[in-house]
Amino acid sequence: MKLQQIVETVLSRAVIDRNDKTIAWIDTKNIGHKYLINEMSDDLYYGLAGILIFFIELKKNGINLNKNIIDLLDNTIKKRIISNTSTFHSDHGAILGFSSIIYAGMYASKSQMNLKFINHEELVLEQLFNIKNDVYSLDFIDGLSGTLYVLSKKFKLDGDRAILKYIKNLSEEIIARVDEVEVAGLAHGMAGIYLSLSEYYGINQENKLKKIIKYLIQKENKIWNEAVNEWRDLRGVNDYTKRWCNGSIGIHFVRRKVSNEHKELIDNLSLKMSLKSIKRSAFYVEKSNLCCGRVSEIFLDEVKHDLSTKSPNFSDSLDNNINLGLFSGITGLGLAILKSRNQFIPNILLLELPNEN
């Protein structure tokens, strides 16, 4: 699938209200061999926040769309925030929760785009601050650690004292519940938690944070199988994969970032384990999306990439991959193609920001 095909497909499925100056898509998910059809949500995984980032990168990389898609997305997100009609798959989480729209706003700002919805982010933050946290998991993708990660980044940019107070309390709650998590991985496991705690550690270098991060890394190491150089996915799947979500790709992204930013938090052996894992050839999930598929390898500096249309990275046809989402569908595939052409595009799988490093 070529980039132009992806762009044309996304645009052809858009529903544009010229009077209201809004844009929407129908979101289709295959869950349990059944298709669920709804209006597209606002989050980063399936929704408008992810679509926005894809179109921002298209514009930055000189691809002329001849349509004011970014302005339409901006106005749609703004109107939903103001009217309290935004929809997310979870209240918490970096990728499925409220904070994913905060991340999209930071991404736009760092891309030198003055979008209107950013001026109303305090409404999203107010909702977050009033959520009862103890009913949510610690997951990165849709739980407390993901919110901590995004808002730690937000504080580093803005210095908002209300955010600082909130993330301090949130980090303490995560630390108190840290033994609830028994699985490896970024999206739903230990790697996502120590990634978020290490991001907060950049703000508050308390010794207890250092100890918890090291503890989680060593606990995750115990799930490592040296015979296959891989972590076992213990979410009932019980297999070995290189998925971003719960496999070695996500874990290596996290460990490399932690090592680069805070060498005192991770030992060389733990880093070598994840590096061994991503270099092995086996990959058991053949999907063309960033979450579960081989296309996530495009964001790895340590492996060579095959971006030909015959590559397994693009094994799904346009007809088979009906989802448009950044992590779930073809806009993520499009972003990976852009990344292969421009190494300076941020690693979306770590929620990096433009010009962050």
Protein backbone atom coordinates (compact mmCIF):
# COMPACT_ATOMS: atom_id res chain seq x y z
CA MET A 1 0.00 0.00 0.00
CA LYS A 2 1.50 3.33 -1.04
CA LEU A 3 1.27 6.54 0.97
CA GLN A 4 -0.92 8.19 -1.66
CA GLN A 5 -3.36 5.27 -1.45
CA ILE A 6 -3.57 5.68 2.30
CA VAL A 7 -4.21 9.43 2.11
CA GLU A 8 -6.86 8.99 -0.59
CA THR A 9 -8.58 6.22 1.39
CA VAL A 10 -8.71 8.30 4.58
CA LEU A 11 -10.05 11.35 2.74
CA SER A 12 -12.61 9.33 0.78
CA ARG A 13 -14.12 8.01 4.00
CA ALA A 14 -14.36 11.42 5.67
CA VAL A 15 -17.75 13.00 6.37
CA ILE A 16 -17.33 16.79 6.16
CA ASP A 17 -19.95 19.27 7.34
CA ARG A 18 -19.12 22.45 5.42
CA ASN A 19 -21.57 24.57 7.40
CA ASP A 20 -20.37 23.40 10.80
CA LYS A 21 -16.76 23.16 9.59
CA THR A 22 -16.28 19.74 11.16
CA ILE A 23 -15.03 16.37 9.98
CA ALA A 24 -15.79 12.82 11.12
CA TRP A 25 -15.23 9.21 10.14
CA ILE A 26 -17.06 5.98 10.81
CA ASP A 27 -14.93 3.80 13.06
CA THR A 28 -15.10 0.07 12.42
CA LYS A 29 -13.60 -2.48 14.81
CA ASN A 30 -13.44 -6.25 14.52
CA ILE A 31 -14.02 -7.56 18.07
CA GLY A 32 -14.67 -11.23 18.63
CA HIS A 33 -15.35 -11.78 14.93
CA LYS A 34 -18.03 -9.11 15.02
CA TYR A 35 -17.85 -5.62 13.57
CA LEU A 36 -18.72 -2.64 15.76
CA ILE A 37 -19.56 0.57 13.90
CA ASN A 38 -19.53 3.96 15.63
CA GLU A 39 -18.55 7.54 14.99
CA MET A 40 -14.79 7.86 15.41
CA SER A 41 -13.65 8.66 18.95
CA ASP A 42 -11.20 11.41 19.93
CA ASP A 43 -8.31 9.31 21.28
CA LEU A 44 -4.89 8.58 19.83
CA TYR A 45 -5.38 4.86 19.15
CA TYR A 46 -8.54 4.77 17.03
CA GLY A 47 -9.55 8.39 16.86
CA LEU A 48 -9.18 12.01 15.83
CA ALA A 49 -6.06 12.75 17.89
CA GLY A 50 -4.14 10.12 15.92
CA ILE A 51 -5.58 11.20 12.58
CA LEU A 52 -4.55 14.79 13.39
CA ILE A 53 -0.93 13.79 14.03
CA PHE A 54 -0.83 11.91 10.72
CA PHE A 55 -2.04 14.96 8.80
CA ILE A 56 0.34 17.26 10.69
CA GLU A 57 3.26 15.11 9.54
CA LEU A 58 1.95 15.00 5.99
CA LYS A 59 1.92 18.80 5.94
CA LYS A 60 5.35 19.11 7.56
CA ASN A 61 6.78 16.72 5.00
CA GLY A 62 5.51 18.74 2.07
CA ILE A 63 2.58 16.61 0.98
CA ASN A 64 -0.10 18.91 -0.44
CA LEU A 65 -3.59 17.69 0.39
CA ASN A 66 -5.51 20.53 -1.31
CA LYS A 67 -7.95 20.34 1.57
CA ASN A 68 -7.97 22.13 4.91
CA ILE A 69 -8.13 18.88 6.86
CA ILE A 70 -6.07 20.06 9.84
CA ASP A 71 -8.35 23.09 10.39
CA LEU A 72 -11.42 20.86 10.18
CA LEU A 73 -9.92 18.42 12.70
CA ASP A 74 -8.96 21.29 14.99
CA ASN A 75 -12.46 22.76 14.91
CA THR A 76 -14.09 19.37 15.45
CA ILE A 77 -11.92 18.54 18.48
CA LYS A 78 -12.44 22.06 19.88
CA LYS A 79 -16.24 21.85 19.55
CA ARG A 80 -16.34 18.44 21.18
CA ILE A 81 -14.22 19.63 24.11
CA ILE A 82 -16.36 22.74 24.68
CA SER A 83 -19.65 20.82 24.41
CA ASN A 84 -18.31 17.93 26.53
CA THR A 85 -19.07 15.45 23.73
CA SER A 86 -15.54 14.12 23.28
CA THR A 87 -15.41 10.33 23.43
CA PHE A 88 -12.52 8.20 24.65
CA HIS A 89 -12.19 4.48 25.22
CA SER A 90 -11.03 5.17 28.77
CA ASP A 91 -10.84 8.20 31.05
CA HIS A 92 -7.21 7.44 31.87
CA GLY A 93 -4.35 6.40 29.59
CA ALA A 94 -1.78 7.95 27.29
CA ILE A 95 -3.30 6.51 24.13
CA LEU A 96 -6.95 5.69 24.82
CA GLY A 97 -7.72 8.28 27.50
CA PHE A 98 -8.33 12.00 28.00
CA SER A 99 -4.61 12.71 28.15
CA SER A 100 -4.17 11.53 24.55
CA ILE A 101 -5.80 14.78 23.41
CA ILE A 102 -3.36 16.68 25.65
CA TYR A 103 -0.52 14.88 23.88
CA ALA A 104 -1.96 15.80 20.48
CA GLY A 105 -2.05 19.45 21.57
CA MET A 106 1.61 19.33 22.63
CA TYR A 107 2.49 17.66 19.33
CA ALA A 108 0.75 20.41 17.36
CA SER A 109 2.38 23.18 19.41
CA LYS A 110 5.85 21.70 19.01
CA SER A 111 5.13 21.46 15.28
CA GLN A 112 4.57 25.24 15.25
CA MET A 113 0.84 24.87 14.64
CA ASN A 114 -1.39 27.21 16.63
CA LEU A 115 -4.53 25.10 16.83
CA LYS A 116 -7.63 26.42 18.56
CA PHE A 117 -8.52 23.34 20.59
CA ILE A 118 -5.32 23.76 22.62
CA ASN A 119 -6.83 26.88 24.21
CA HIS A 120 -9.53 24.71 25.82
CA GLU A 121 -7.32 21.98 27.27
CA GLU A 122 -8.09 23.13 30.82
CA LEU A 123 -11.56 21.60 30.36
CA VAL A 124 -9.97 18.22 29.65
CA LEU A 125 -7.59 18.61 32.60
CA GLU A 126 -10.49 19.51 34.88
CA GLN A 127 -12.23 16.26 33.95
CA LEU A 128 -9.04 14.30 34.60
CA PHE A 129 -8.46 15.93 37.97
CA ASN A 130 -11.95 14.93 39.14
CA ILE A 131 -11.79 11.25 38.19
CA LYS A 132 -11.81 8.63 40.95
CA ASN A 133 -8.53 6.89 40.14
CA ASP A 134 -8.78 3.68 42.15
CA VAL A 135 -11.18 2.03 39.71
CA TYR A 136 -8.63 2.21 36.85
CA SER A 137 -5.72 -0.07 36.02
CA LEU A 138 -2.09 1.05 36.03
CA ASP A 139 -1.78 0.38 32.28
CA PHE A 140 0.03 2.82 30.01
CA ILE A 141 -2.45 2.60 27.15
CA ASP A 142 -5.65 3.09 29.16
CA GLY A 143 -4.68 3.50 32.81
CA LEU A 144 -2.98 5.66 35.42
CA SER A 145 0.62 5.30 34.25
CA GLY A 146 -0.25 6.63 30.79
CA THR A 147 -1.85 9.72 32.30
CA LEU A 148 1.24 10.25 34.48
CA TYR A 149 3.49 10.01 31.45
CA VAL A 150 1.63 12.57 29.32
CA LEU A 151 1.06 15.04 32.15
CA SER A 152 4.71 14.82 33.21
CA LYS A 153 5.62 15.89 29.68
CA LYS A 154 2.99 18.63 29.87
CA PHE A 155 4.43 19.98 33.11
CA LYS A 156 7.93 20.05 31.64
CA LEU A 157 6.61 22.24 28.82
CA ASP A 158 4.25 24.53 30.73
CA GLY A 159 5.27 24.40 34.39
CA ASP A 160 1.62 24.32 35.54
CA ARG A 161 1.64 23.89 39.34
CA ALA A 162 -1.81 22.27 39.32
CA ILE A 163 -0.45 19.54 37.03
CA LEU A 164 2.59 19.11 39.29
CA LYS A 165 0.38 18.57 42.33
CA TYR A 166 -1.78 16.10 40.42
CA ILE A 167 1.09 14.00 39.04
CA LYS A 168 2.76 13.88 42.45
CA ASN A 169 -0.38 12.31 43.93
CA LEU A 170 -0.81 10.08 40.89
CA SER A 171 2.77 8.76 41.12
CA GLU A 172 2.23 7.91 44.79
CA GLU A 173 -0.93 5.98 43.96
CA ILE A 174 0.87 4.04 41.22
CA ILE A 175 3.74 3.19 43.55
CA ALA A 176 1.32 1.97 46.22
CA ARG A 177 -0.36 -0.38 43.70
CA VAL A 178 2.67 -1.41 41.67
CA ASP A 179 2.51 -5.10 42.61
CA GLU A 180 -0.87 -5.43 40.89
CA VAL A 181 0.95 -5.80 37.57
CA GLU A 182 2.43 -9.20 36.72
CA VAL A 183 2.89 -9.01 32.94
CA ALA A 184 5.70 -7.63 30.79
CA GLY A 185 5.25 -4.97 28.14
CA LEU A 186 4.59 -1.33 27.40
CA ALA A 187 0.85 -1.03 26.78
CA HIS A 188 -0.45 -3.25 29.60
CA GLY A 189 2.59 -4.24 31.62
CA MET A 190 5.55 -3.27 33.75
CA ALA A 191 7.50 -1.44 31.03
CA GLY A 192 4.73 1.12 30.66
CA ILE A 193 4.76 1.77 34.39
CA TYR A 194 8.51 2.26 34.75
CA LEU A 195 8.51 4.39 31.59
CA SER A 196 5.96 6.73 33.18
CA LEU A 197 7.70 6.76 36.55
CA SER A 198 11.03 7.55 34.87
CA GLU A 199 9.40 10.46 33.03
CA TYR A 200 8.19 11.79 36.38
CA TYR A 201 11.62 11.03 37.87
CA GLY A 202 12.95 13.72 35.53
CA ILE A 203 10.87 16.17 37.59
CA ASN A 204 11.23 14.67 41.05
CA GLN A 205 14.34 12.52 41.57
CA GLU A 206 13.25 10.88 44.80
CA ASN A 207 15.13 7.80 45.87
CA LYS A 208 11.91 5.80 46.28
CA LEU A 209 11.13 6.36 42.59
CA LYS A 210 14.57 5.10 41.65
CA LYS A 211 14.06 1.98 43.73
CA ILE A 212 10.62 1.23 42.29
CA ILE A 213 11.80 1.66 38.69
CA LYS A 214 14.74 -0.69 39.27
CA TYR A 215 12.44 -3.15 41.04
CA LEU A 216 10.00 -3.23 38.10
CA ILE A 217 12.79 -3.77 35.56
CA GLN A 218 14.16 -6.71 37.53
CA LYS A 219 10.66 -8.13 38.01
CA GLU A 220 10.05 -7.92 34.27
CA ASN A 221 13.39 -9.63 33.64
CA LYS A 222 12.10 -12.71 35.46
CA ILE A 223 9.56 -13.26 32.65
CA TRP A 224 12.38 -13.30 30.09
CA ASN A 225 13.05 -16.69 28.46
CA GLU A 226 16.73 -16.93 27.54
CA ALA A 227 16.12 -19.95 25.31
CA VAL A 228 14.13 -17.82 22.82
CA ASN A 229 15.43 -14.36 23.77
CA GLU A 230 11.92 -13.08 24.41
CA TRP A 231 9.37 -12.15 27.04
CA ARG A 232 6.29 -14.33 27.38
CA ASP A 233 2.96 -12.57 26.92
CA LEU A 234 1.08 -13.63 30.05
CA ARG A 235 -2.27 -11.98 29.27
CA GLY A 236 -3.85 -15.36 28.56
CA VAL A 237 -2.12 -15.46 25.18
CA ASN A 238 0.95 -17.22 26.59
CA ASP A 239 3.16 -16.80 23.54
CA TYR A 240 6.32 -14.94 22.54
CA THR A 241 5.97 -11.97 20.22
CA LYS A 242 7.72 -8.80 19.14
CA ARG A 243 4.57 -6.69 19.39
CA TRP A 244 4.82 -3.06 20.43
CA CYS A 245 1.98 -3.50 22.90
CA ASN A 246 3.17 -6.44 24.99
CA GLY A 247 6.32 -7.68 23.32
CA SER A 248 9.98 -6.88 22.94
CA ILE A 249 9.64 -3.87 20.62
CA GLY A 250 7.78 -1.84 23.20
CA ILE A 251 10.03 -3.03 26.02
CA HIS A 252 13.17 -2.12 24.09
CA PHE A 253 11.85 1.34 23.23
CA VAL A 254 11.26 1.95 26.94
CA ARG A 255 14.58 0.56 28.15
CA ARG A 256 16.55 2.48 25.55
CA LYS A 257 14.79 5.73 26.51
CA VAL A 258 15.33 5.15 30.23
CA SER A 259 19.01 4.39 29.60
CA ASN A 260 19.49 7.47 27.43
CA GLU A 261 17.86 9.82 29.94
CA HIS A 262 18.67 8.26 33.32
CA LYS A 263 21.51 5.72 33.12
CA GLU A 264 21.38 5.23 36.87
CA LEU A 265 17.96 3.57 36.59
CA ILE A 266 18.83 0.59 34.38
CA ASP A 267 21.72 -1.87 34.21
CA ASN A 268 23.49 -2.89 31.01
CA LEU A 269 22.29 -6.49 31.22
CA SER A 270 18.62 -5.42 31.18
CA LEU A 271 19.27 -3.28 28.12
CA LYS A 272 21.10 -6.11 26.35
CA MET A 273 18.17 -8.45 26.97
CA SER A 274 15.74 -6.24 25.04
CA LEU A 275 18.29 -5.65 22.28
CA LYS A 276 18.74 -9.41 21.80
CA SER A 277 15.00 -9.82 21.62
CA ILE A 278 14.34 -7.29 18.88
CA LYS A 279 17.12 -8.70 16.71
CA ARG A 280 15.69 -12.19 16.57
CA SER A 281 13.87 -12.91 13.33
CA ALA A 282 10.66 -14.51 14.57
CA PHE A 283 7.51 -12.41 14.50
CA TYR A 284 4.20 -14.14 14.97
CA VAL A 285 1.69 -11.38 14.32
CA GLU A 286 1.17 -10.38 10.70
CA LYS A 287 -0.86 -7.19 10.90
CA SER A 288 -0.20 -3.87 9.24
CA ASN A 289 -0.69 -1.71 12.28
CA LEU A 290 1.55 -0.09 14.86
CA CYS A 291 0.10 -1.79 17.93
CA CYS A 292 0.38 -5.47 17.03
CA GLY A 293 2.12 -5.61 13.66
CA ARG A 294 5.55 -5.67 12.11
CA VAL A 295 5.22 -2.11 10.91
CA SER A 296 6.27 -0.96 14.40
CA GLU A 297 9.79 -2.13 13.48
CA ILE A 298 10.10 0.95 11.27
CA PHE A 299 10.68 2.99 14.43
CA LEU A 300 13.59 0.78 15.54
CA ASP A 301 17.03 2.14 14.74
CA GLU A 302 18.66 -1.24 15.42
CA VAL A 303 17.07 -3.27 12.61
CA LYS A 304 16.90 -2.87 8.83
CA HIS A 305 13.51 -2.16 7.31
CA ASP A 306 11.91 -3.46 4.15
CA LEU A 307 9.30 -0.95 2.98
CA SER A 308 8.56 -2.51 -0.37
CA THR A 309 4.93 -3.33 -1.04
CA LYS A 310 5.89 -7.03 -0.99
CA SER A 311 7.25 -6.78 2.55
CA PRO A 312 5.42 -8.56 5.39
CA ASN A 313 5.19 -5.09 6.96
CA PHE A 314 2.47 -4.45 4.38
CA SER A 315 0.95 -7.92 4.27
CA ASP A 316 -2.60 -6.68 4.83
CA SER A 317 -4.32 -5.32 1.77
CA LEU A 318 -6.30 -2.09 1.78
CA ASP A 319 -9.50 -4.10 1.76
CA ASN A 320 -8.51 -6.17 4.79
CA ASN A 321 -7.31 -3.27 6.93
CA ILE A 322 -10.56 -1.38 7.33
CA ASN A 323 -9.52 0.62 10.40
CA LEU A 324 -8.16 4.14 9.94
CA GLY A 325 -6.68 4.67 13.42
CA LEU A 326 -3.09 5.63 14.09
CA PHE A 327 -2.35 2.61 16.28
CA SER A 328 -5.02 0.31 14.86
CA GLY A 329 -5.03 0.99 11.15
CA ILE A 330 -3.73 2.56 7.99
CA THR A 331 -2.82 6.06 9.20
CA GLY A 332 -0.21 4.40 11.44
CA LEU A 333 1.07 2.59 8.37
CA GLY A 334 1.23 5.94 6.58
CA LEU A 335 3.16 7.52 9.44
CA ALA A 336 5.64 4.63 9.31
CA ILE A 337 6.20 5.27 5.60
CA LEU A 338 6.87 8.93 6.38
CA LYS A 339 9.25 7.89 9.16
CA SER A 340 11.18 5.71 6.72
CA ARG A 341 11.71 8.79 4.56
CA ASN A 342 12.42 11.24 7.38
CA GLN A 343 14.25 9.97 10.46
CA PHE A 344 13.43 13.16 12.36
CA ILE A 345 9.75 12.30 12.70
CA PRO A 346 9.18 11.56 16.41
CA ASN A 347 8.74 8.01 17.62
CA ILE A 348 4.98 7.93 18.13
CA LEU A 349 5.32 4.56 19.89
CA LEU A 350 6.98 6.38 22.79
CA LEU A 351 4.79 9.47 22.39
CA GLU A 352 7.85 11.55 21.60
CA LEU A 353 7.32 15.20 20.65
CA PRO A 354 8.83 17.11 17.71
CA ASN A 355 12.29 18.50 18.55
CA GLU A 356 12.15 16.81 21.95
CA ASN A 357 15.67 15.40 21.83
